[in-house]
Full PDB file with SEQRES, HELIX, SHEET, SSBOND, CRYST1, ORIGX, SCALE, CONECT and MASTER records, all heavy atoms in Angstrom:
SEQRES   1 A   44  GLN ASP GLU ILE LYS GLY TYR ASN ASP LEU SER LEU LEU          
SEQRES   2 A   44  GLY ASP TYR LEU THR GLY ASP LEU ASN ALA PHE CYS LYS          
SEQRES   3 A   44  LYS PRO GLY GLN LYS LYS HIS GLU SER MET ILE GLN ASP          
SEQRES   4 A   44  VAL GLY GLN THR MET                                          
HELIX    1 AA1 GLY A    6  LEU A   17  1                                  12    
HELIX    2 AA2 ALA A   23  LYS A   26  5                                   4    
HELIX    3 AA3 GLU A   34  MET A   36  5                                   3    
HELIX    4 AA4 VAL A   40  THR A   43  1                                   4    
CRYST1    1.000    1.000    1.000  90.00  90.00  90.00 P 1           1          
ORIGX1      1.000000  0.000000  0.000000        0.00000                         
ORIGX2      0.000000  1.000000  0.000000        0.00000                         
ORIGX3      0.000000  0.000000  1.000000        0.00000                         
SCALE1      1.000000  0.000000  0.000000        0.00000                         
SCALE2      0.000000  1.000000  0.000000        0.00000                         
SCALE3      0.000000  0.000000  1.000000        0.00000                         
ATOM      1  N   GLN A   1       0.810  -1.215   0.000  1.00  0.00           N  
ATOM      2  CA  GLN A   1       0.000   0.000   0.000  1.00  0.00           C  
ATOM      3  C   GLN A   1       0.845   1.267   0.000  1.00  0.00           C  
ATOM      4  O   GLN A   1       0.551   2.221  -0.713  1.00  0.00           O  
ATOM      5  CB  GLN A   1      -0.932  -0.008   1.221  1.00  0.00           C  
ATOM      6  CG  GLN A   1      -1.956  -1.129   1.183  1.00  0.00           C  
ATOM      7  CD  GLN A   1      -2.744  -1.221   2.476  1.00  0.00           C  
ATOM      8  OE1 GLN A   1      -2.704  -0.318   3.288  1.00  0.00           O  
ATOM      9  NE2 GLN A   1      -3.458  -2.320   2.674  1.00  0.00           N  
ATOM     10  N   ASP A   2       1.891   1.306   0.815  1.00  0.00           N  
ATOM     11  CA  ASP A   2       2.729   2.495   0.887  1.00  0.00           C  
ATOM     12  C   ASP A   2       4.127   2.158   0.389  1.00  0.00           C  
ATOM     13  O   ASP A   2       4.501   0.983   0.330  1.00  0.00           O  
ATOM     14  CB  ASP A   2       2.793   3.008   2.330  1.00  0.00           C  
ATOM     15  CG  ASP A   2       3.151   4.490   2.401  1.00  0.00           C  
ATOM     16  OD1 ASP A   2       3.355   5.090   1.335  1.00  0.00           O  
ATOM     17  OD2 ASP A   2       3.231   5.035   3.520  1.00  0.00           O  
ATOM     18  N   GLU A   3       4.924   3.172   0.039  1.00  0.00           N  
ATOM     19  CA  GLU A   3       6.253   2.913  -0.491  1.00  0.00           C  
ATOM     20  C   GLU A   3       7.149   2.266   0.567  1.00  0.00           C  
ATOM     21  O   GLU A   3       7.000   2.499   1.768  1.00  0.00           O  
ATOM     22  CB  GLU A   3       6.882   4.193  -1.013  1.00  0.00           C  
ATOM     23  CG  GLU A   3       7.147   5.250   0.045  1.00  0.00           C  
ATOM     24  CD  GLU A   3       7.807   6.479  -0.529  1.00  0.00           C  
ATOM     25  OE1 GLU A   3       8.591   6.333  -1.476  1.00  0.00           O  
ATOM     26  OE2 GLU A   3       7.525   7.580  -0.041  1.00  0.00           O  
ATOM     27  N   ILE A   4       8.062   1.431   0.098  1.00  0.00           N  
ATOM     28  CA  ILE A   4       8.994   0.744   0.982  1.00  0.00           C  
ATOM     29  C   ILE A   4      10.261   1.583   1.072  1.00  0.00           C  
ATOM     30  O   ILE A   4      10.938   1.827   0.075  1.00  0.00           O  
ATOM     31  CB  ILE A   4       9.305  -0.669   0.452  1.00  0.00           C  
ATOM     32  CG1 ILE A   4       8.033  -1.517   0.516  1.00  0.00           C  
ATOM     33  CG2 ILE A   4      10.430  -1.321   1.246  1.00  0.00           C  
ATOM     34  CD1 ILE A   4       8.167  -2.874  -0.129  1.00  0.00           C  
ATOM     35  N   LYS A   5      10.600   2.009   2.288  1.00  0.00           N  
ATOM     36  CA  LYS A   5      11.757   2.868   2.489  1.00  0.00           C  
ATOM     37  C   LYS A   5      12.352   2.612   3.866  1.00  0.00           C  
ATOM     38  O   LYS A   5      11.617   2.516   4.853  1.00  0.00           O  
ATOM     39  CB  LYS A   5      11.366   4.343   2.353  1.00  0.00           C  
ATOM     40  CG  LYS A   5      12.532   5.305   2.529  1.00  0.00           C  
ATOM     41  CD  LYS A   5      12.080   6.743   2.408  1.00  0.00           C  
ATOM     42  CE  LYS A   5      13.253   7.697   2.629  1.00  0.00           C  
ATOM     43  NZ  LYS A   5      12.838   9.111   2.573  1.00  0.00           N  
ATOM     44  N   GLY A   6      13.671   2.482   3.915  1.00  0.00           N  
ATOM     45  CA  GLY A   6      14.348   2.304   5.187  1.00  0.00           C  
ATOM     46  C   GLY A   6      14.544   0.842   5.545  1.00  0.00           C  
ATOM     47  O   GLY A   6      13.927  -0.065   4.981  1.00  0.00           O  
ATOM     48  N   TYR A   7      15.423   0.625   6.525  1.00  0.00           N  
ATOM     49  CA  TYR A   7      15.819  -0.727   6.913  1.00  0.00           C  
ATOM     50  C   TYR A   7      14.625  -1.564   7.369  1.00  0.00           C  
ATOM     51  O   TYR A   7      14.492  -2.734   6.978  1.00  0.00           O  
ATOM     52  CB  TYR A   7      16.871  -0.653   8.033  1.00  0.00           C  
ATOM     53  CG  TYR A   7      17.394  -1.997   8.462  1.00  0.00           C  
ATOM     54  CD1 TYR A   7      18.483  -2.576   7.820  1.00  0.00           C  
ATOM     55  CD2 TYR A   7      16.790  -2.706   9.507  1.00  0.00           C  
ATOM     56  CE1 TYR A   7      18.963  -3.822   8.201  1.00  0.00           C  
ATOM     57  CE2 TYR A   7      17.256  -3.949   9.901  1.00  0.00           C  
ATOM     58  CZ  TYR A   7      18.344  -4.500   9.248  1.00  0.00           C  
ATOM     59  OH  TYR A   7      18.803  -5.733   9.620  1.00  0.00           O  
ATOM     60  N   ASN A   8      13.730  -0.987   8.184  1.00  0.00           N  
ATOM     61  CA  ASN A   8      12.605  -1.770   8.723  1.00  0.00           C  
ATOM     62  C   ASN A   8      11.678  -2.268   7.619  1.00  0.00           C  
ATOM     63  O   ASN A   8      11.259  -3.432   7.616  1.00  0.00           O  
ATOM     64  CB  ASN A   8      11.812  -0.941   9.737  1.00  0.00           C  
ATOM     65  CG  ASN A   8      12.547  -0.803  11.058  1.00  0.00           C  
ATOM     66  OD1 ASN A   8      13.448  -1.597  11.352  1.00  0.00           O  
ATOM     67  ND2 ASN A   8      12.184   0.193  11.852  1.00  0.00           N  
ATOM     68  N   ASP A   9      11.339  -1.385   6.684  1.00  0.00           N  
ATOM     69  CA  ASP A   9      10.468  -1.784   5.571  1.00  0.00           C  
ATOM     70  C   ASP A   9      11.132  -2.870   4.725  1.00  0.00           C  
ATOM     71  O   ASP A   9      10.487  -3.844   4.319  1.00  0.00           O  
ATOM     72  CB  ASP A   9      10.145  -0.578   4.686  1.00  0.00           C  
ATOM     73  CG  ASP A   9       9.122   0.353   5.309  1.00  0.00           C  
ATOM     74  OD1 ASP A   9       8.689   0.086   6.448  1.00  0.00           O  
ATOM     75  OD2 ASP A   9       8.764   1.358   4.670  1.00  0.00           O  
ATOM     76  N   LEU A  10      12.420  -2.690   4.455  1.00  0.00           N  
ATOM     77  CA  LEU A  10      13.149  -3.681   3.653  1.00  0.00           C  
ATOM     78  C   LEU A  10      13.235  -5.020   4.386  1.00  0.00           C  
ATOM     79  O   LEU A  10      13.171  -6.083   3.769  1.00  0.00           O  
ATOM     80  CB  LEU A  10      14.546  -3.165   3.317  1.00  0.00           C  
ATOM     81  CG  LEU A  10      14.592  -1.957   2.366  1.00  0.00           C  
ATOM     82  CD1 LEU A  10      15.993  -1.353   2.330  1.00  0.00           C  
ATOM     83  CD2 LEU A  10      14.151  -2.356   0.959  1.00  0.00           C  
ATOM     84  N   SER A  11      13.364  -4.957   5.700  1.00  0.00           N  
ATOM     85  CA  SER A  11      13.395  -6.179   6.503  1.00  0.00           C  
ATOM     86  C   SER A  11      12.058  -6.913   6.428  1.00  0.00           C  
ATOM     87  O   SER A  11      12.007  -8.148   6.312  1.00  0.00           O  
ATOM     88  CB  SER A  11      13.734  -5.831   7.958  1.00  0.00           C  
ATOM     89  OG  SER A  11      13.802  -6.998   8.751  1.00  0.00           O  
ATOM     90  N   LEU A  12      10.952  -6.146   6.475  1.00  0.00           N  
ATOM     91  CA  LEU A  12       9.615  -6.750   6.357  1.00  0.00           C  
ATOM     92  C   LEU A  12       9.432  -7.394   4.982  1.00  0.00           C  
ATOM     93  O   LEU A  12       8.851  -8.480   4.870  1.00  0.00           O  
ATOM     94  CB  LEU A  12       8.534  -5.687   6.594  1.00  0.00           C  
ATOM     95  CG  LEU A  12       8.399  -5.136   8.024  1.00  0.00           C  
ATOM     96  CD1 LEU A  12       7.384  -4.008   8.061  1.00  0.00           C  
ATOM     97  CD2 LEU A  12       7.995  -6.250   8.994  1.00  0.00           C  
ATOM     98  N   LEU A  13       9.929  -6.725   3.936  1.00  0.00           N  
ATOM     99  CA  LEU A  13       9.833  -7.300   2.594  1.00  0.00           C  
ATOM    100  C   LEU A  13      10.649  -8.585   2.511  1.00  0.00           C  
ATOM    101  O   LEU A  13      10.218  -9.560   1.883  1.00  0.00           O  
ATOM    102  CB  LEU A  13      10.316  -6.289   1.550  1.00  0.00           C  
ATOM    103  CG  LEU A  13      10.322  -6.762   0.095  1.00  0.00           C  
ATOM    104  CD1 LEU A  13       8.939  -7.237  -0.339  1.00  0.00           C  
ATOM    105  CD2 LEU A  13      10.826  -5.660  -0.841  1.00  0.00           C  
ATOM    106  N   GLY A  14      11.811  -8.596   3.140  1.00  0.00           N  
ATOM    107  CA  GLY A  14      12.612  -9.820   3.180  1.00  0.00           C  
ATOM    108  C   GLY A  14      11.861 -10.954   3.855  1.00  0.00           C  
ATOM    109  O   GLY A  14      11.872 -12.097   3.372  1.00  0.00           O  
ATOM    110  N   ASP A  15      11.173 -10.638   4.955  1.00  0.00           N  
ATOM    111  CA  ASP A  15      10.359 -11.658   5.650  1.00  0.00           C  
ATOM    112  C   ASP A  15       9.238 -12.156   4.742  1.00  0.00           C  
ATOM    113  O   ASP A  15       8.928 -13.354   4.705  1.00  0.00           O  
ATOM    114  CB  ASP A  15       9.772 -11.074   6.933  1.00  0.00           C  
ATOM    115  CG  ASP A  15      10.834 -10.744   7.980  1.00  0.00           C  
ATOM    116  OD1 ASP A  15      11.953 -11.297   7.870  1.00  0.00           O  
ATOM    117  OD2 ASP A  15      10.551  -9.940   8.882  1.00  0.00           O  
ATOM    118  N   TYR A  16       8.638 -11.220   4.008  1.00  0.00           N  
ATOM    119  CA  TYR A  16       7.560 -11.583   3.077  1.00  0.00           C  
ATOM    120  C   TYR A  16       8.080 -12.544   2.009  1.00  0.00           C  
ATOM    121  O   TYR A  16       7.438 -13.553   1.688  1.00  0.00           O  
ATOM    122  CB  TYR A  16       7.000 -10.310   2.436  1.00  0.00           C  
ATOM    123  CG  TYR A  16       5.943 -10.542   1.372  1.00  0.00           C  
ATOM    124  CD1 TYR A  16       4.588 -10.549   1.704  1.00  0.00           C  
ATOM    125  CD2 TYR A  16       6.299 -10.739   0.039  1.00  0.00           C  
ATOM    126  CE1 TYR A  16       3.619 -10.760   0.721  1.00  0.00           C  
ATOM    127  CE2 TYR A  16       5.339 -10.954  -0.941  1.00  0.00           C  
ATOM    128  CZ  TYR A  16       4.003 -10.955  -0.592  1.00  0.00           C  
ATOM    129  OH  TYR A  16       3.056 -11.182  -1.558  1.00  0.00           O  
ATOM    130  N   LEU A  17       9.247 -12.244   1.476  1.00  0.00           N  
ATOM    131  CA  LEU A  17       9.819 -13.070   0.412  1.00  0.00           C  
ATOM    132  C   LEU A  17      10.161 -14.478   0.886  1.00  0.00           C  
ATOM    133  O   LEU A  17      10.163 -15.422   0.092  1.00  0.00           O  
ATOM    134  CB  LEU A  17      11.075 -12.401  -0.156  1.00  0.00           C  
ATOM    135  CG  LEU A  17      10.847 -11.141  -1.003  1.00  0.00           C  
ATOM    136  CD1 LEU A  17      12.157 -10.409  -1.258  1.00  0.00           C  
ATOM    137  CD2 LEU A  17      10.172 -11.494  -2.326  1.00  0.00           C  
ATOM    138  N   THR A  18      10.431 -14.625   2.170  1.00  0.00           N  
ATOM    139  CA  THR A  18      10.764 -15.959   2.694  1.00  0.00           C  
ATOM    140  C   THR A  18       9.542 -16.719   3.196  1.00  0.00           C  
ATOM    141  O   THR A  18       9.674 -17.793   3.776  1.00  0.00           O  
ATOM    142  CB  THR A  18      11.797 -15.848   3.833  1.00  0.00           C  
ATOM    143  OG1 THR A  18      11.317 -14.959   4.844  1.00  0.00           O  
ATOM    144  CG2 THR A  18      13.125 -15.356   3.310  1.00  0.00           C  
ATOM    145  N   GLY A  19       8.341 -16.141   2.965  1.00  0.00           N  
ATOM    146  CA  GLY A  19       7.133 -16.897   3.254  1.00  0.00           C  
ATOM    147  C   GLY A  19       6.176 -16.293   4.248  1.00  0.00           C  
ATOM    148  O   GLY A  19       5.058 -16.790   4.426  1.00  0.00           O  
ATOM    149  N   ASP A  20       6.552 -15.215   4.925  1.00  0.00           N  
ATOM    150  CA  ASP A  20       5.655 -14.576   5.890  1.00  0.00           C  
ATOM    151  C   ASP A  20       4.762 -13.589   5.144  1.00  0.00           C  
ATOM    152  O   ASP A  20       5.072 -12.410   5.016  1.00  0.00           O  
ATOM    153  CB  ASP A  20       6.470 -13.864   6.974  1.00  0.00           C  
ATOM    154  CG  ASP A  20       5.576 -13.234   8.051  1.00  0.00           C  
ATOM    155  OD1 ASP A  20       4.337 -13.363   7.948  1.00  0.00           O  
ATOM    156  OD2 ASP A  20       6.134 -12.615   8.983  1.00  0.00           O  
ATOM    157  N   LEU A  21       3.631 -14.076   4.655  1.00  0.00           N  
ATOM    158  CA  LEU A  21       2.756 -13.245   3.826  1.00  0.00           C  
ATOM    159  C   LEU A  21       2.061 -12.144   4.614  1.00  0.00           C  
ATOM    160  O   LEU A  21       1.481 -11.224   4.027  1.00  0.00           O  
ATOM    161  CB  LEU A  21       1.706 -14.124   3.132  1.00  0.00           C  
ATOM    162  CG  LEU A  21       2.269 -15.231   2.218  1.00  0.00           C  
ATOM    163  CD1 LEU A  21       1.134 -15.944   1.486  1.00  0.00           C  
ATOM    164  CD2 LEU A  21       3.266 -14.665   1.208  1.00  0.00           C  
ATOM    165  N   ASN A  22       2.087 -12.223   5.927  1.00  0.00           N  
ATOM    166  CA  ASN A  22       1.469 -11.197   6.768  1.00  0.00           C  
ATOM    167  C   ASN A  22       2.507 -10.224   7.322  1.00  0.00           C  
ATOM    168  O   ASN A  22       2.227  -9.491   8.269  1.00  0.00           O  
ATOM    169  CB  ASN A  22       0.707 -11.852   7.925  1.00  0.00           C  
ATOM    170  CG  ASN A  22      -0.448 -12.710   7.429  1.00  0.00           C  
ATOM    171  OD1 ASN A  22      -1.212 -12.284   6.564  1.00  0.00           O  
ATOM    172  ND2 ASN A  22      -0.565 -13.917   7.956  1.00  0.00           N  
ATOM    173  N   ALA A  23       3.704 -10.236   6.736  1.00  0.00           N  
ATOM    174  CA  ALA A  23       4.800  -9.418   7.277  1.00  0.00           C  
ATOM    175  C   ALA A  23       4.417  -7.945   7.379  1.00  0.00           C  
ATOM    176  O   ALA A  23       4.712  -7.283   8.381  1.00  0.00           O  
ATOM    177  CB  ALA A  23       6.046  -9.584   6.401  1.00  0.00           C  
ATOM    178  N   PHE A  24       3.716  -7.413   6.364  1.00  0.00           N  
ATOM    179  CA  PHE A  24       3.431  -5.982   6.356  1.00  0.00           C  
ATOM    180  C   PHE A  24       2.269  -5.598   7.269  1.00  0.00           C  
ATOM    181  O   PHE A  24       2.015  -4.416   7.485  1.00  0.00           O  
ATOM    182  CB  PHE A  24       3.175  -5.503   4.925  1.00  0.00           C  
ATOM    183  CG  PHE A  24       4.444  -5.384   4.127  1.00  0.00           C  
ATOM    184  CD1 PHE A  24       4.832  -6.393   3.264  1.00  0.00           C  
ATOM    185  CD2 PHE A  24       5.270  -4.293   4.275  1.00  0.00           C  
ATOM    186  CE1 PHE A  24       6.014  -6.313   2.546  1.00  0.00           C  
ATOM    187  CE2 PHE A  24       6.461  -4.188   3.561  1.00  0.00           C  
ATOM    188  CZ  PHE A  24       6.839  -5.204   2.698  1.00  0.00           C  
ATOM    189  N   CYS A  25       1.584  -6.603   7.826  1.00  0.00           N  
ATOM    190  CA  CYS A  25       0.562  -6.301   8.830  1.00  0.00           C  
ATOM    191  C   CYS A  25       1.212  -5.774  10.111  1.00  0.00           C  
ATOM    192  O   CYS A  25       0.564  -5.132  10.939  1.00  0.00           O  
ATOM    193  CB  CYS A  25      -0.268  -7.549   9.146  1.00  0.00           C  
ATOM    194  SG  CYS A  25      -1.224  -8.146   7.729  1.00  0.00           S  
ATOM    195  N   LYS A  26       2.503  -6.068  10.281  1.00  0.00           N  
ATOM    196  CA  LYS A  26       3.236  -5.623  11.481  1.00  0.00           C  
ATOM    197  C   LYS A  26       3.633  -4.151  11.367  1.00  0.00           C  
ATOM    198  O   LYS A  26       4.068  -3.547  12.341  1.00  0.00           O  
ATOM    199  CB  LYS A  26       4.512  -6.460  11.652  1.00  0.00           C  
ATOM    200  CG  LYS A  26       4.265  -7.960  11.687  1.00  0.00           C  
ATOM    201  CD  LYS A  26       5.585  -8.711  11.529  1.00  0.00           C  
ATOM    202  CE  LYS A  26       5.343 -10.203  11.318  1.00  0.00           C  
ATOM    203  NZ  LYS A  26       6.601 -10.921  10.995  1.00  0.00           N  
ATOM    204  N   LYS A  27       3.511  -3.586  10.158  1.00  0.00           N  
ATOM    205  CA  LYS A  27       3.946  -2.208   9.948  1.00  0.00           C  
ATOM    206  C   LYS A  27       2.893  -1.242  10.476  1.00  0.00           C  
ATOM    207  O   LYS A  27       1.715  -1.345  10.129  1.00  0.00           O  
ATOM    208  CB  LYS A  27       4.172  -1.972   8.448  1.00  0.00           C  
ATOM    209  CG  LYS A  27       4.721  -0.586   8.123  1.00  0.00           C  
ATOM    210  CD  LYS A  27       4.986  -0.464   6.622  1.00  0.00           C  
ATOM    211  CE  LYS A  27       5.489   0.925   6.279  1.00  0.00           C  
ATOM    212  NZ  LYS A  27       5.771   1.076   4.841  1.00  0.00           N  
ATOM    213  N   PRO A  28       3.288  -0.283  11.325  1.00  0.00           N  
ATOM    214  CA  PRO A  28       2.314   0.684  11.844  1.00  0.00           C  
ATOM    215  C   PRO A  28       1.763   1.563  10.736  1.00  0.00           C  
ATOM    216  O   PRO A  28       2.384   1.736   9.686  1.00  0.00           O  
ATOM    217  CB  PRO A  28       3.143   1.511  12.844  1.00  0.00           C  
ATOM    218  CG  PRO A  28       4.561   1.344  12.392  1.00  0.00           C  
ATOM    219  CD  PRO A  28       4.646  -0.039  11.812  1.00  0.00           C  
ATOM    220  N   GLY A  29       0.573   2.128  10.956  1.00  0.00           N  
ATOM    221  CA  GLY A  29      -0.060   2.993   9.959  1.00  0.00           C  
ATOM    222  C   GLY A  29       0.817   4.176   9.604  1.00  0.00           C  
ATOM    223  O   GLY A  29       1.506   4.728  10.445  1.00  0.00           O  
ATOM    224  N   GLN A  30       0.781   4.551   8.350  1.00  0.00           N  
ATOM    225  CA  GLN A  30       1.627   5.640   7.867  1.00  0.00           C  
ATOM    226  C   GLN A  30       0.849   6.949   7.908  1.00  0.00           C  
ATOM    227  O   GLN A  30      -0.114   7.120   7.178  1.00  0.00           O  
ATOM    228  CB  GLN A  30       2.086   5.341   6.435  1.00  0.00           C  
ATOM    229  CG  GLN A  30       2.874   4.060   6.307  1.00  0.00           C  
ATOM    230  CD  GLN A  30       4.212   4.157   7.012  1.00  0.00           C  
ATOM    231  OE1 GLN A  30       4.974   5.079   6.772  1.00  0.00           O  
ATOM    232  NE2 GLN A  30       4.502   3.211   7.872  1.00  0.00           N  
ATOM    233  N   LYS A  31       1.261   7.869   8.775  1.00  0.00           N  
ATOM    234  CA  LYS A  31       0.595   9.171   8.859  1.00  0.00           C  
ATOM    235  C   LYS A  31       1.580  10.321   8.714  1.00  0.00           C  
ATOM    236  O   LYS A  31       1.276  11.453   8.990  1.00  0.00           O  
ATOM    237  CB  LYS A  31      -0.137   9.290  10.197  1.00  0.00           C  
ATOM    238  CG  LYS A  31      -1.261   8.271  10.345  1.00  0.00           C  
ATOM    239  CD  LYS A  31      -2.027   8.480  11.621  1.00  0.00           C  
ATOM    240  CE  LYS A  31      -3.160   7.473  11.751  1.00  0.00           C  
ATOM    241  NZ  LYS A  31      -3.939   7.653  12.989  1.00  0.00           N  
ATOM    242  N   LYS A  32       2.782   9.992   8.294  1.00  0.00           N  
ATOM    243  CA  LYS A  32       3.843  10.988   8.297  1.00  0.00           C  
ATOM    244  C   LYS A  32       3.582  12.142   7.325  1.00  0.00           C  
ATOM    245  O   LYS A  32       4.063  13.241   7.535  1.00  0.00           O  
ATOM    246  CB  LYS A  32       5.184  10.329   7.948  1.00  0.00           C  
ATOM    247  CG  LYS A  32       5.182   9.615   6.620  1.00  0.00           C  
ATOM    248  CD  LYS A  32       6.489   8.908   6.413  1.00  0.00           C  
ATOM    249  CE  LYS A  32       6.454   8.098   5.119  1.00  0.00           C  
ATOM    250  NZ  LYS A  32       7.683   7.356   4.904  1.00  0.00           N  
ATOM    251  N   HIS A  33       2.831  11.905   6.245  1.00  0.00           N  
ATOM    252  CA  HIS A  33       2.626  12.966   5.255  1.00  0.00           C  
ATOM    253  C   HIS A  33       1.390  13.814   5.553  1.00  0.00           C  
ATOM    254  O   HIS A  33       1.258  14.896   5.052  1.00  0.00           O  
ATOM    255  CB  HIS A  33       2.451  12.374   3.851  1.00  0.00           C  
ATOM    256  CG  HIS A  33       3.635  11.589   3.387  1.00  0.00           C  
ATOM    257  ND1 HIS A  33       4.907  11.967   3.650  1.00  0.00           N  
ATOM    258  CD2 HIS A  33       3.697  10.436   2.662  1.00  0.00           C  
ATOM    259  CE1 HIS A  33       5.741  11.089   3.114  1.00  0.00           C  
ATOM    260  NE2 HIS A  33       5.032  10.161   2.521  1.00  0.00           N  
ATOM    261  N   GLU A  34       0.489  13.303   6.402  1.00  0.00           N  
ATOM    262  CA  GLU A  34      -0.842  13.870   6.492  1.00  0.00           C  
ATOM    263  C   GLU A  34      -0.826  15.349   6.859  1.00  0.00           C  
ATOM    264  O   GLU A  34      -1.493  16.175   6.244  1.00  0.00           O  
ATOM    265  CB  GLU A  34      -1.659  13.089   7.529  1.00  0.00           C  
ATOM    266  CG  GLU A  34      -3.004  12.671   6.983  1.00  0.00           C  
ATOM    267  CD  GLU A  34      -3.710  11.734   7.927  1.00  0.00           C  
ATOM    268  OE1 GLU A  34      -3.081  10.879   8.544  1.00  0.00           O  
ATOM    269  OE2 GLU A  34      -4.936  11.901   8.039  1.00  0.00           O  
ATOM    270  N   SER A  35      -0.027  15.713   7.860  1.00  0.00           N  
ATOM    271  CA  SER A  35      -0.020  17.086   8.320  1.00  0.00           C  
ATOM    272  C   SER A  35       0.676  18.024   7.325  1.00  0.00           C  
ATOM    273  O   SER A  35       0.553  19.229   7.422  1.00  0.00           O  
ATOM    274  CB  SER A  35       0.702  17.175   9.673  1.00  0.00           C  
ATOM    275  OG  SER A  35       2.040  16.754   9.524  1.00  0.00           O  
ATOM    276  N   MET A  36       1.391  17.444   6.378  1.00  0.00           N  
ATOM    277  CA  MET A  36       2.170  18.258   5.443  1.00  0.00           C  
ATOM    278  C   MET A  36       1.416  18.506   4.143  1.00  0.00           C  
ATOM    279  O   MET A  36       1.840  19.311   3.317  1.00  0.00           O  
ATOM    280  CB  MET A  36       3.503  17.575   5.139  1.00  0.00           C  
ATOM    281  CG  MET A  36       4.324  17.275   6.371  1.00  0.00           C  
ATOM    282  SD  MET A  36       5.789  16.321   5.978  1.00  0.00           S  
ATOM    283  CE  MET A  36       6.768  17.547   5.138  1.00  0.00           C  
ATOM    284  N   ILE A  37       0.311  17.797   3.944  1.00  0.00           N  
ATOM    285  CA  ILE A  37      -0.401  17.881   2.670  1.00  0.00           C  
ATOM    286  C   ILE A  37      -1.240  19.154   2.598  1.00  0.00           C  
ATOM    287  O   ILE A  37      -1.974  19.484   3.519  1.00  0.00           O  
ATOM    288  CB  ILE A  37      -1.311  16.649   2.473  1.00  0.00           C  
ATOM    289  CG1 ILE A  37      -0.443  15.398   2.373  1.00  0.00           C  
ATOM    290  CG2 ILE A  37      -2.180  16.809   1.242  1.00  0.00           C  
ATOM    291  CD1 ILE A  37      -1.247  14.130   2.374  1.00  0.00           C  
ATOM    292  N   GLN A  38      -1.120  19.866   1.493  1.00  0.00           N  
ATOM    293  CA  GLN A  38      -1.960  21.025   1.250  1.00  0.00           C  
ATOM    294  C   GLN A  38      -2.962  20.676   0.162  1.00  0.00           C  
ATOM    295  O   GLN A  38      -2.923  19.603  -0.422  1.00  0.00           O  
ATOM    296  CB  GLN A  38      -1.098  22.204   0.803  1.00  0.00           C  
ATOM    297  CG  GLN A  38      -0.053  22.610   1.840  1.00  0.00           C  
ATOM    298  CD  GLN A  38       0.757  23.790   1.357  1.00  0.00           C  
ATOM    299  OE1 GLN A  38       0.394  24.448   0.390  1.00  0.00           O  
ATOM    300  NE2 GLN A  38       1.848  24.067   2.036  1.00  0.00           N  
ATOM    301  N   ASP A  39      -3.837  21.595  -0.111  1.00  0.00           N  
ATOM    302  CA  ASP A  39      -4.799  21.390  -1.190  1.00  0.00           C  
ATOM    303  C   ASP A  39      -4.067  21.565  -2.513  1.00  0.00           C  
ATOM    304  O   ASP A  39      -3.849  22.674  -2.982  1.00  0.00           O  
ATOM    305  CB  ASP A  39      -5.950  22.391  -1.068  1.00  0.00           C  
ATOM    306  CG  ASP A  39      -7.030  22.143  -2.112  1.00  0.00           C  
ATOM    307  OD1 ASP A  39      -6.827  21.252  -2.972  1.00  0.00           O  
ATOM    308  OD2 ASP A  39      -8.059  22.825  -2.069  1.00  0.00           O  
ATOM    309  N   VAL A  40      -3.675  20.444  -3.100  1.00  0.00           N  
ATOM    310  CA  VAL A  40      -2.877  20.490  -4.323  1.00  0.00           C  
ATOM    311  C   VAL A  40      -3.615  21.213  -5.438  1.00  0.00           C  
ATOM    312  O   VAL A  40      -3.026  21.943  -6.229  1.00  0.00           O  
ATOM    313  CB  VAL A  40      -2.500  19.051  -4.755  1.00  0.00           C  
ATOM    314  CG1 VAL A  40      -1.785  19.078  -6.090  1.00  0.00           C  
ATOM    315  CG2 VAL A  40      -1.622  18.409  -3.697  1.00  0.00           C  
ATOM    316  N   GLY A  41      -4.904  21.047  -5.487  1.00  0.00           N  
ATOM    317  CA  GLY A  41      -5.686  21.653  -6.553  1.00  0.00           C  
ATOM    318  C   GLY A  41      -5.583  23.175  -6.588  1.00  0.00           C  
ATOM    319  O   GLY A  41      -5.659  23.798  -7.632  1.00  0.00           O  
ATOM    320  N   GLN A  42      -5.371  23.785  -5.405  1.00  0.00           N  
ATOM    321  CA  GLN A  42      -5.298  25.234  -5.354  1.00  0.00           C  
ATOM    322  C   GLN A  42      -3.972  25.776  -5.893  1.00  0.00           C  
ATOM    323  O   GLN A  42      -3.891  26.917  -6.310  1.00  0.00           O  
ATOM    324  CB  GLN A  42      -5.493  25.701  -3.895  1.00  0.00           C  
ATOM    325  CG  GLN A  42      -6.868  25.354  -3.341  1.00  0.00           C  
ATOM    326  CD  GLN A  42      -7.996  25.928  -4.182  1.00  0.00           C  
ATOM    327  OE1 GLN A  42      -7.975  27.107  -4.508  1.00  0.00           O  
ATOM    328  NE2 GLN A  42      -8.968  25.105  -4.523  1.00  0.00           N  
ATOM    329  N   THR A  43      -2.902  24.961  -5.799  1.00  0.00           N  
ATOM    330  CA  THR A  43      -1.591  25.438  -6.235  1.00  0.00           C  
ATOM    331  C   THR A  43      -1.182  24.876  -7.581  1.00  0.00           C  
ATOM    332  O   THR A  43      -0.165  25.248  -8.124  1.00  0.00           O  
ATOM    333  CB  THR A  43      -0.525  25.037  -5.201  1.00  0.00           C  
ATOM    334  OG1 THR A  43      -0.544  23.626  -5.034  1.00  0.00           O  
ATOM    335  CG2 THR A  43      -0.771  25.706  -3.875  1.00  0.00           C  
ATOM    336  N   MET A  44      -1.998  23.995  -8.128  1.00  0.00           N  
ATOM    337  CA  MET A  44      -1.634  23.296  -9.352  1.00  0.00           C  
ATOM    338  C   MET A  44      -1.731  24.220 -10.561  1.00  0.00           C  
ATOM    339  O   MET A  44      -2.763  24.826 -10.810  1.00  0.00           O  
ATOM    340  CB  MET A  44      -2.586  22.102  -9.552  1.00  0.00           C  
ATOM    341  CG  MET A  44      -2.292  21.279 -10.769  1.00  0.00           C  
ATOM    342  SD  MET A  44      -0.790  20.343 -10.532  1.00  0.00           S  
ATOM    343  CE  MET A  44      -0.623  19.616 -12.148  1.00  0.00           C  
TER     344      MET A  44                                                      
MASTER        0    0    0    4    0    0    0    6  343    1    0    4          
END                                                                             
């Protein structure tokens, strides 16, 4: 769902590749961009 970046995400992908299909369920929700987003339509 979200881009893979950093050691933790890459580690989860490695776990997924070795058979843990639920590896990314362990990843906390991504909210890092939310407060930074502006109304793109107004500046486009």
